[in-house]
Amino acid sequence: MAWLTWILVYTIAWCLIFFMVLPWGVRTPAEAGVETVPGQAESAPVRPRLGLKAAITSALALLATLGWHGLRATWLD
């Protein structure tokens, strides 16, 4: 069952970190000097770069999971 715990901790860490990383580098059309498309929200990001943010999140979630494992190992010993 240990592998299931690892997966659950990684998934929870990934979701939490992803929502923390989402606002990084977001620029609205007004800030970027780009014209908006009719019907587009004024707060919509010009380039959301979700792939980069997912990669950063995956690396940070892995570090968080490994840190959790290290802390758990020291607490249980």
N, C-alpha and C. Protein backbone atom coordinates (compact mmCIF):
# COMPACT_ATOMS: atom_id res chain seq x y z
N MET A 1 0.81 -1.19 0.00
CA MET A 1 0.00 0.00 0.00
C MET A 1 0.86 1.27 0.00
N ALA A 2 2.16 1.13 0.20
CA ALA A 2 3.05 2.29 0.26
C ALA A 2 3.07 3.04 -1.08
N TRP A 3 3.02 2.33 -2.18
CA TRP A 3 3.05 3.01 -3.48
C TRP A 3 1.80 3.85 -3.68
N LEU A 4 0.66 3.40 -3.15
CA LEU A 4 -0.57 4.18 -3.26
C LEU A 4 -0.46 5.47 -2.46
N THR A 5 0.17 5.41 -1.31
CA THR A 5 0.39 6.60 -0.50
C THR A 5 1.28 7.59 -1.23
N TRP A 6 2.33 7.10 -1.86
CA TRP A 6 3.22 7.97 -2.64
C TRP A 6 2.44 8.68 -3.76
N ILE A 7 1.61 7.92 -4.46
CA ILE A 7 0.82 8.50 -5.56
C ILE A 7 -0.15 9.55 -5.03
N LEU A 8 -0.82 9.26 -3.93
CA LEU A 8 -1.77 10.21 -3.36
C LEU A 8 -1.07 11.48 -2.87
N VAL A 9 0.04 11.34 -2.20
CA VAL A 9 0.78 12.52 -1.72
C VAL A 9 1.27 13.35 -2.91
N TYR A 10 1.79 12.69 -3.94
CA TYR A 10 2.26 13.41 -5.13
C TYR A 10 1.10 14.14 -5.81
N THR A 11 -0.04 13.48 -5.94
CA THR A 11 -1.19 14.09 -6.61
C THR A 11 -1.72 15.29 -5.84
N ILE A 12 -1.81 15.15 -4.53
CA ILE A 12 -2.27 16.29 -3.72
C ILE A 12 -1.28 17.44 -3.80
N ALA A 13 0.00 17.13 -3.70
CA ALA A 13 1.03 18.17 -3.81
C ALA A 13 0.98 18.83 -5.19
N TRP A 14 0.79 18.03 -6.23
CA TRP A 14 0.76 18.56 -7.60
C TRP A 14 -0.39 19.54 -7.75
N CYS A 15 -1.57 19.17 -7.28
CA CYS A 15 -2.74 20.05 -7.41
C CYS A 15 -2.55 21.35 -6.64
N LEU A 16 -2.06 21.25 -5.41
CA LEU A 16 -1.85 22.46 -4.61
C LEU A 16 -0.81 23.38 -5.24
N ILE A 17 0.29 22.79 -5.67
CA ILE A 17 1.37 23.60 -6.25
C ILE A 17 0.95 24.18 -7.60
N PHE A 18 0.17 23.44 -8.38
CA PHE A 18 -0.27 23.95 -9.68
C PHE A 18 -1.08 25.23 -9.52
N PHE A 19 -1.97 25.25 -8.53
CA PHE A 19 -2.76 26.46 -8.33
C PHE A 19 -1.92 27.60 -7.78
N MET A 20 -0.80 27.29 -7.14
CA MET A 20 0.11 28.34 -6.69
C MET A 20 0.95 28.88 -7.85
N VAL A 21 1.27 28.02 -8.81
CA VAL A 21 2.13 28.40 -9.93
C VAL A 21 1.34 29.11 -11.05
N LEU A 22 0.05 28.85 -11.15
CA LEU A 22 -0.76 29.41 -12.23
C LEU A 22 -0.61 30.93 -12.42
N PRO A 23 -0.61 31.74 -11.38
CA PRO A 23 -0.52 33.18 -11.63
C PRO A 23 0.87 33.70 -12.00
N TRP A 24 1.89 32.86 -11.95
CA TRP A 24 3.24 33.33 -12.26
C TRP A 24 3.33 33.81 -13.72
N GLY A 25 3.77 35.03 -13.91
CA GLY A 25 4.03 35.55 -15.24
C GLY A 25 2.80 35.84 -16.07
N VAL A 26 1.63 35.93 -15.46
CA VAL A 26 0.40 36.20 -16.22
C VAL A 26 0.36 37.69 -16.57
N ARG A 27 0.10 37.94 -17.84
CA ARG A 27 -0.05 39.32 -18.31
C ARG A 27 -1.37 39.43 -19.05
N THR A 28 -2.15 40.42 -18.71
CA THR A 28 -3.42 40.65 -19.38
C THR A 28 -3.16 41.36 -20.71
N PRO A 29 -4.13 41.37 -21.62
CA PRO A 29 -3.94 42.09 -22.88
C PRO A 29 -3.62 43.57 -22.68
N ALA A 30 -4.19 44.18 -21.64
CA ALA A 30 -3.90 45.60 -21.37
C ALA A 30 -2.44 45.79 -20.97
N GLU A 31 -1.91 44.88 -20.17
CA GLU A 31 -0.51 44.97 -19.75
C GLU A 31 0.44 44.67 -20.90
N ALA A 32 0.05 43.76 -21.78
CA ALA A 32 0.92 43.38 -22.90
C ALA A 32 0.76 44.31 -24.10
N GLY A 33 -0.24 45.17 -24.08
CA GLY A 33 -0.47 46.08 -25.20
C GLY A 33 -1.06 45.38 -26.41
N VAL A 34 -1.83 44.34 -26.17
CA VAL A 34 -2.45 43.55 -27.25
C VAL A 34 -3.94 43.84 -27.26
N GLU A 35 -4.51 43.84 -28.45
CA GLU A 35 -5.94 44.08 -28.58
C GLU A 35 -6.72 42.81 -28.22
N THR A 36 -7.83 42.98 -27.51
CA THR A 36 -8.62 41.81 -27.11
C THR A 36 -9.58 41.41 -28.22
N VAL A 37 -9.93 40.15 -28.23
CA VAL A 37 -10.91 39.62 -29.17
C VAL A 37 -12.30 39.93 -28.61
N PRO A 38 -13.27 40.29 -29.43
CA PRO A 38 -14.61 40.57 -28.90
C PRO A 38 -15.15 39.36 -28.13
N GLY A 39 -15.65 39.63 -26.93
CA GLY A 39 -16.18 38.57 -26.07
C GLY A 39 -15.15 37.99 -25.12
N GLN A 40 -13.90 38.37 -25.28
CA GLN A 40 -12.82 37.86 -24.41
C GLN A 40 -12.83 38.62 -23.10
N ALA A 41 -12.61 37.91 -22.01
CA ALA A 41 -12.53 38.57 -20.70
C ALA A 41 -11.27 39.42 -20.65
N GLU A 42 -11.39 40.57 -20.01
CA GLU A 42 -10.24 41.49 -19.92
C GLU A 42 -9.12 40.90 -19.08
N SER A 43 -9.45 39.95 -18.21
CA SER A 43 -8.44 39.36 -17.34
C SER A 43 -7.81 38.09 -17.92
N ALA A 44 -8.20 37.70 -19.12
CA ALA A 44 -7.65 36.48 -19.74
C ALA A 44 -6.17 36.69 -20.05
N PRO A 45 -5.33 35.70 -19.72
CA PRO A 45 -3.89 35.86 -19.98
C PRO A 45 -3.58 35.82 -21.47
N VAL A 46 -2.55 36.56 -21.85
CA VAL A 46 -2.13 36.59 -23.25
C VAL A 46 -1.46 35.27 -23.61
N ARG A 47 -0.50 34.83 -22.83
CA ARG A 47 0.19 33.55 -23.02
C ARG A 47 0.17 32.79 -21.71
N PRO A 48 -0.74 31.86 -21.52
CA PRO A 48 -0.82 31.18 -20.23
C PRO A 48 0.35 30.22 -19.96
N ARG A 49 1.01 29.69 -20.98
CA ARG A 49 2.16 28.78 -20.85
C ARG A 49 1.88 27.64 -19.87
N LEU A 50 0.78 26.93 -20.09
CA LEU A 50 0.38 25.86 -19.19
C LEU A 50 1.35 24.68 -19.20
N GLY A 51 1.95 24.40 -20.34
CA GLY A 51 2.91 23.30 -20.39
C GLY A 51 4.12 23.55 -19.51
N LEU A 52 4.65 24.76 -19.57
CA LEU A 52 5.79 25.12 -18.72
C LEU A 52 5.40 25.08 -17.25
N LYS A 53 4.22 25.59 -16.94
CA LYS A 53 3.76 25.60 -15.56
C LYS A 53 3.51 24.19 -15.05
N ALA A 54 3.03 23.29 -15.91
CA ALA A 54 2.83 21.89 -15.52
C ALA A 54 4.17 21.21 -15.26
N ALA A 55 5.18 21.53 -16.07
CA ALA A 55 6.51 20.95 -15.87
C ALA A 55 7.13 21.44 -14.56
N ILE A 56 7.01 22.73 -14.30
CA ILE A 56 7.52 23.29 -13.05
C ILE A 56 6.80 22.66 -11.86
N THR A 57 5.48 22.53 -12.00
CA THR A 57 4.68 21.93 -10.93
C THR A 57 5.09 20.49 -10.67
N SER A 58 5.35 19.73 -11.73
CA SER A 58 5.74 18.33 -11.57
C SER A 58 7.06 18.22 -10.81
N ALA A 59 8.00 19.07 -11.13
CA ALA A 59 9.29 19.04 -10.44
C ALA A 59 9.14 19.44 -8.98
N LEU A 60 8.37 20.49 -8.71
CA LEU A 60 8.17 20.93 -7.33
C LEU A 60 7.38 19.91 -6.52
N ALA A 61 6.40 19.26 -7.16
CA ALA A 61 5.62 18.24 -6.45
C ALA A 61 6.49 17.03 -6.13
N LEU A 62 7.41 16.69 -7.02
CA LEU A 62 8.33 15.59 -6.74
C LEU A 62 9.22 15.94 -5.54
N LEU A 63 9.74 17.15 -5.51
CA LEU A 63 10.55 17.59 -4.37
C LEU A 63 9.74 17.59 -3.08
N ALA A 64 8.49 18.04 -3.15
CA ALA A 64 7.63 18.05 -1.97
C ALA A 64 7.35 16.64 -1.49
N THR A 65 7.13 15.72 -2.42
CA THR A 65 6.85 14.33 -2.06
C THR A 65 8.08 13.69 -1.43
N LEU A 66 9.24 13.94 -2.00
CA LEU A 66 10.47 13.41 -1.42
C LEU A 66 10.73 14.01 -0.05
N GLY A 67 10.44 15.29 0.11
CA GLY A 67 10.58 15.94 1.41
C GLY A 67 9.62 15.35 2.43
N TRP A 68 8.39 15.08 2.00
CA TRP A 68 7.41 14.43 2.87
C TRP A 68 7.92 13.05 3.30
N HIS A 69 8.49 12.32 2.36
CA HIS A 69 8.99 10.99 2.70
C HIS A 69 10.16 11.09 3.68
N GLY A 70 11.03 12.06 3.49
CA GLY A 70 12.15 12.24 4.40
C GLY A 70 11.69 12.60 5.80
N LEU A 71 10.73 13.50 5.90
CA LEU A 71 10.20 13.87 7.21
C LEU A 71 9.47 12.71 7.87
N ARG A 72 8.71 11.98 7.08
CA ARG A 72 7.97 10.84 7.61
C ARG A 72 8.93 9.76 8.12
N ALA A 73 10.02 9.56 7.40
CA ALA A 73 10.99 8.56 7.80
C ALA A 73 11.68 8.95 9.10
N THR A 74 11.96 10.24 9.30
CA THR A 74 12.62 10.67 10.54
C THR A 74 11.65 10.64 11.71
N TRP A 75 10.39 10.93 11.48
CA TRP A 75 9.41 10.92 12.56
C TRP A 75 9.10 9.51 13.03
N LEU A 76 9.13 8.54 12.12
CA LEU A 76 8.77 7.18 12.49
C LEU A 76 9.94 6.39 13.07
N ASP A 77 11.15 6.88 12.89
CA ASP A 77 12.33 6.16 13.42
C ASP A 77 12.65 6.57 14.81
